[in-house]
């Protein structure tokens, strides 16, 4: 069961999922701001944060799969 499913411990998976949720929250909050100020442009676009956040959640879920099988 330790093949490609769980490469890292499940604690790392929880950290990856929480980072993904934070990125999605910040991306949504940043995308709601419609003011265009050329002096205060963000370094990363909101859509990039949303894509990376959802990918982090997906990868984190794969890291938690062995822990879920252990519980149930």
Protein backbone atom coordinates (compact mmCIF):
# COMPACT_ATOMS: atom_id res chain seq x y z
CA UNK A 1 0.00 0.00 0.00
CA UNK A 2 3.03 2.26 0.27
CA UNK A 3 3.44 2.58 -3.51
CA UNK A 4 2.43 5.70 -5.39
CA UNK A 5 -0.54 6.47 -3.16
CA UNK A 6 1.26 7.78 -0.09
CA UNK A 7 4.73 9.10 -0.74
CA UNK A 8 4.79 11.49 2.22
CA UNK A 9 3.26 11.11 5.69
CA UNK A 10 -0.37 12.08 6.19
CA UNK A 11 0.65 15.10 8.30
CA UNK A 12 2.31 16.59 5.23
CA UNK A 13 -0.90 15.94 3.29
CA UNK A 14 -2.88 17.96 5.83
CA UNK A 15 -0.39 20.82 5.52
CA UNK A 16 -0.62 20.72 1.72
CA UNK A 17 -4.43 20.77 1.87
CA UNK A 18 -4.44 23.72 4.28
CA UNK A 19 -2.01 25.62 2.04
CA UNK A 20 -4.31 24.94 -0.92
CA UNK A 21 -7.35 26.22 0.96
CA UNK A 22 -5.46 29.39 1.94
CA UNK A 23 -4.38 29.96 -1.68
CA UNK A 24 -7.94 29.52 -2.93
CA UNK A 25 -9.29 31.90 -0.27
CA UNK A 26 -6.69 34.57 -1.12
CA UNK A 27 -7.26 34.11 -4.87
CA UNK A 28 -11.02 34.56 -4.54
CA UNK A 29 -10.59 37.57 -2.31
CA UNK A 30 -8.08 39.13 -4.70
CA UNK A 31 -10.24 38.48 -7.78
CA UNK A 32 -13.17 40.41 -6.24
CA UNK A 33 -11.08 43.60 -6.20
CA UNK A 34 -11.83 45.37 -9.49
CA UNK A 35 -9.69 48.49 -8.93
CA UNK A 36 -6.85 48.74 -11.44
CA UNK A 37 -3.84 50.43 -9.87
CA UNK A 38 -0.62 50.13 -11.86
CA UNK A 39 1.48 51.01 -8.81
CA UNK A 40 0.01 48.14 -6.78
CA UNK A 41 -0.13 45.20 -9.20
CA UNK A 42 -0.06 41.72 -7.65
CA UNK A 43 2.89 39.46 -8.38
CA UNK A 44 0.68 36.43 -9.01
CA UNK A 45 -2.74 36.59 -10.69
CA UNK A 46 -5.78 35.31 -8.80
CA UNK A 47 -6.47 32.55 -11.33
CA UNK A 48 -2.97 31.18 -10.79
CA UNK A 49 -3.60 31.05 -7.05
CA UNK A 50 -6.88 29.23 -7.63
CA UNK A 51 -5.25 26.66 -9.93
CA UNK A 52 -2.32 26.03 -7.58
CA UNK A 53 -4.64 25.85 -4.58
CA UNK A 54 -6.88 23.25 -6.16
CA UNK A 55 -3.84 21.22 -7.27
CA UNK A 56 -2.45 21.34 -3.72
CA UNK A 57 -5.77 20.08 -2.35
CA UNK A 58 -5.81 17.26 -4.91
CA UNK A 59 -2.23 16.20 -4.08
CA UNK A 60 -2.90 16.51 -0.34
CA UNK A 61 -5.92 14.23 -0.62
CA UNK A 62 -3.76 11.56 -2.23
CA UNK A 63 -1.33 11.83 0.68
CA UNK A 64 -4.15 11.32 3.21
CA UNK A 65 -5.55 8.17 1.52
CA UNK A 66 -3.41 5.71 3.59
CA UNK A 67 -4.50 7.43 6.82
CA UNK A 68 -8.16 7.19 5.80
CA UNK A 69 -7.72 3.45 5.03
CA UNK A 70 -6.03 3.01 8.42
CA UNK A 71 -8.96 4.63 10.26
CA UNK A 72 -11.71 2.75 8.43
